[in-house]
C-alpha atoms as a PDB file:
ATOM      1  CA  MET A   1      84.797-113.734 -66.547  1.00  0.00           C
ATOM      2  CA  SER A   2      85.597-111.513 -63.548  1.00  0.00           C
ATOM      3  CA  GLU A   3      86.906-108.810 -65.899  1.00  0.00           C
ATOM      4  CA  ILE A   4      83.608-108.824 -67.807  1.00  0.00           C
ATOM      5  CA  LEU A   5      81.647-108.451 -64.577  1.00  0.00           C
ATOM      6  CA  GLU A   6      83.949-105.644 -63.483  1.00  0.00           C
ATOM      7  CA  ILE A   7      83.414-103.840 -66.782  1.00  0.00           C
ATOM      8  CA  VAL A   8      79.636-104.222 -66.409  1.00  0.00           C
ATOM      9  CA  MET A   9      79.886-102.725 -62.903  1.00  0.00           C
ATOM     10  CA  ILE A  10      81.989 -99.801 -64.102  1.00  0.00           C
ATOM     11  CA  LEU A  11      79.702 -99.193 -67.095  1.00  0.00           C
ATOM     12  CA  ALA A  12      76.617 -99.283 -64.899  1.00  0.00           C
ATOM     13  CA  PHE A  13      78.218 -96.948 -62.381  1.00  0.00           C
ATOM     14  CA  GLY A  14      79.574 -94.592 -65.003  1.00  0.00           C
ATOM     15  CA  ALA A  15      76.655 -94.520 -67.429  1.00  0.00           C
ATOM     16  CA  SER A  16      75.312 -91.298 -65.984  1.00  0.00           C
ATOM     17  CA  TRP A  17      78.575 -89.303 -66.092  1.00  0.00           C
ATOM     18  CA  PRO A  18      78.296 -88.084 -69.706  1.00  0.00           C
ATOM     19  CA  MET A  19      74.750 -86.840 -69.043  1.00  0.00           C
ATOM     20  CA  ASN A  20      75.891 -85.227 -65.789  1.00  0.00           C
ATOM     21  CA  VAL A  21      78.761 -83.433 -67.535  1.00  0.00           C
ATOM     22  CA  VAL A  22      76.417 -82.067 -70.219  1.00  0.00           C
ATOM     23  CA  LYS A  23      73.954 -80.947 -67.536  1.00  0.00           C
ATOM     24  CA  SER A  24      76.740 -79.183 -65.613  1.00  0.00           C
ATOM     25  CA  TYR A  25      77.915 -77.465 -68.789  1.00  0.00           C
ATOM     26  CA  LYS A  26      74.453 -76.235 -69.724  1.00  0.00           C
ATOM     27  CA  ALA A  27      73.423 -75.250 -66.179  1.00  0.00           C
ATOM     28  CA  ARG A  28      76.304 -72.762 -65.777  1.00  0.00           C
ATOM     29  CA  SER A  29      75.744 -73.022 -62.023  1.00  0.00           C
ATOM     30  CA  ALA A  30      77.282 -75.145 -59.271  1.00  0.00           C
ATOM     31  CA  LYS A  31      74.128 -75.041 -57.185  1.00  0.00           C
ATOM     32  CA  GLY A  32      73.134 -78.514 -56.098  1.00  0.00           C
ATOM     33  CA  LYS A  33      76.572 -79.976 -56.828  1.00  0.00           C
ATOM     34  CA  SER A  34      78.966 -81.338 -54.216  1.00  0.00           C
ATOM     35  CA  ILE A  35      82.697 -80.981 -54.852  1.00  0.00           C
ATOM     36  CA  SER A  36      83.427 -83.363 -51.974  1.00  0.00           C
ATOM     37  CA  PHE A  37      81.269 -86.020 -53.662  1.00  0.00           C
ATOM     38  CA  LEU A  38      83.064 -85.527 -56.980  1.00  0.00           C
ATOM     39  CA  ILE A  39      86.481 -85.713 -55.330  1.00  0.00           C
ATOM     40  CA  LEU A  40      85.477 -88.857 -53.431  1.00  0.00           C
ATOM     41  CA  ILE A  41      84.385 -90.541 -56.671  1.00  0.00           C
ATOM     42  CA  PHE A  42      87.603 -89.386 -58.361  1.00  0.00           C
ATOM     43  CA  LEU A  43      89.690 -90.871 -55.544  1.00  0.00           C
ATOM     44  CA  GLY A  44      87.722 -94.109 -55.800  1.00  0.00           C
ATOM     45  CA  TYR A  45      88.646 -94.412 -59.466  1.00  0.00           C
ATOM     46  CA  VAL A  46      92.286 -93.621 -58.652  1.00  0.00           C
ATOM     47  CA  ALA A  47      92.239 -96.415 -56.061  1.00  0.00           C
ATOM     48  CA  GLY A  48      90.664 -98.812 -58.572  1.00  0.00           C
ATOM     49  CA  ILE A  49      93.323 -98.022 -61.168  1.00  0.00           C
ATOM     50  CA  ALA A  50      96.101 -98.319 -58.567  1.00  0.00           C
ATOM     51  CA  SER A  51      94.732-101.688 -57.449  1.00  0.00           C
ATOM     52  CA  LYS A  52      95.084-102.984 -61.001  1.00  0.00           C
ATOM     53  CA  PHE A  53      98.720-101.881 -61.196  1.00  0.00           C
ATOM     54  CA  ALA A  54      99.422-103.348 -57.738  1.00  0.00           C
ATOM     55  CA  ASN A  55      97.874-106.719 -58.658  1.00  0.00           C
ATOM     56  CA  GLU A  56     100.710-108.983 -59.817  1.00  0.00           C
ATOM     57  CA  ALA A  57      98.360-111.468 -61.498  1.00  0.00           C
ATOM     58  CA  TYR A  58      96.662-108.681 -63.452  1.00  0.00           C
ATOM     59  CA  MET A  59      99.966-107.145 -64.492  1.00  0.00           C
ATOM     60  CA  ALA A  60     101.290-110.550 -65.591  1.00  0.00           C
ATOM     61  CA  ALA A  61      98.307-110.835 -67.939  1.00  0.00           C
ATOM     62  CA  PHE A  62      98.192-107.128 -68.826  1.00  0.00           C
ATOM     63  CA  ALA A  63      98.712-107.743 -72.551  1.00  0.00           C
ATOM     64  CA  SER A  64      95.403-109.610 -72.709  1.00  0.00           C
ATOM     65  CA  LYS A  65      93.494-107.698 -70.000  1.00  0.00           C
ATOM     66  CA  TRP A  66      94.412-104.047 -70.636  1.00  0.00           C
ATOM     67  CA  TYR A  67      90.870-103.261 -71.787  1.00  0.00           C
ATOM     68  CA  VAL A  68      89.574-103.346 -68.195  1.00  0.00           C
ATOM     69  CA  LEU A  69      91.587-100.226 -67.376  1.00  0.00           C
ATOM     70  CA  VAL A  70      90.146 -98.392 -70.385  1.00  0.00           C
ATOM     71  CA  PHE A  71      86.763 -98.219 -68.667  1.00  0.00           C
ATOM     72  CA  TYR A  72      88.318 -96.864 -65.470  1.00  0.00           C
ATOM     73  CA  PHE A  73      90.069 -94.138 -67.468  1.00  0.00           C
ATOM     74  CA  ILE A  74      86.894 -93.217 -69.358  1.00  0.00           C
ATOM     75  CA  ASN A  75      85.022 -92.776 -66.077  1.00  0.00           C
ATOM     76  CA  ILE A  76      87.813 -90.852 -64.348  1.00  0.00           C
ATOM     77  CA  THR A  77      87.948 -88.539 -67.378  1.00  0.00           C
ATOM     78  CA  MET A  78      84.203 -87.853 -67.059  1.00  0.00           C
ATOM     79  CA  VAL A  79      84.518 -87.152 -63.321  1.00  0.00           C
ATOM     80  CA  SER A  80      87.499 -84.870 -63.997  1.00  0.00           C
ATOM     81  CA  ALA A  81      85.481 -82.945 -66.580  1.00  0.00           C
ATOM     82  CA  ASP A  82      82.658 -82.541 -64.058  1.00  0.00           C
ATOM     83  CA  ILE A  83      85.145 -81.217 -61.461  1.00  0.00           C
ATOM     84  CA  VAL A  84      86.464 -78.682 -63.971  1.00  0.00           C
ATOM     85  CA  LEU A  85      82.902 -77.628 -64.780  1.00  0.00           C
ATOM     86  CA  TYR A  86      82.131 -77.325 -61.070  1.00  0.00           C
ATOM     87  CA  VAL A  87      85.034 -74.885 -60.674  1.00  0.00           C
ATOM     88  CA  ARG A  88      83.900 -72.927 -63.735  1.00  0.00           C
ATOM     89  CA  ASN A  89      80.300 -72.848 -62.536  1.00  0.00           C
ATOM     90  CA  ARG A  90      81.302 -71.690 -59.033  1.00  0.00           C
ATOM     91  CA  ARG A  91      83.164 -68.803 -60.644  1.00  0.00           C
ATOM     92  CA  LEU A  92      80.104 -67.984 -62.769  1.00  0.00           C
ATOM     93  CA  ASP A  93      77.907 -68.116 -59.636  1.00  0.00           C
ATOM     94  CA  LYS A  94      80.214 -65.646 -57.860  1.00  0.00           C
ATOM     95  CA  LEU A  95      80.205 -63.308 -60.862  1.00  0.00           C
ATOM     96  CA  ALA A  96      76.403 -63.437 -60.985  1.00  0.00           C
ATOM     97  CA  GLU A  97      76.190 -62.665 -57.237  1.00  0.00           C
ATOM     98  CA  GLU A  98      78.585 -59.719 -57.613  1.00  0.00           C
ATOM     99  CA  SER A  99      76.682 -58.260 -60.533  1.00  0.00           C
ATOM    100  CA  ALA A 100      73.388 -58.632 -58.655  1.00  0.00           C
ATOM    101  CA  GLU A 101      74.656 -56.496 -55.772  1.00  0.00           C
END
């Protein structure tokens, strides 16, 4: 039951990432975004994944509980995509500033 509740928490927390990634892609600007926030969220997911691998009880039952990690990896992939888009959009912002001068 705790795995189901954990999945619900991760799904609720990560439900907005796909929309955020699409918005970042379409915006072509990093204005209003915080790289420190994105990195903090990324590190939180890394810690969550590491905690699963460090948990002996979880690892002993990994064959029947692997699906919990899938949701962590989906969310960390979305955050990673948003970080990549942030870097791209910062570069586009700088190019736009240079061409405006």
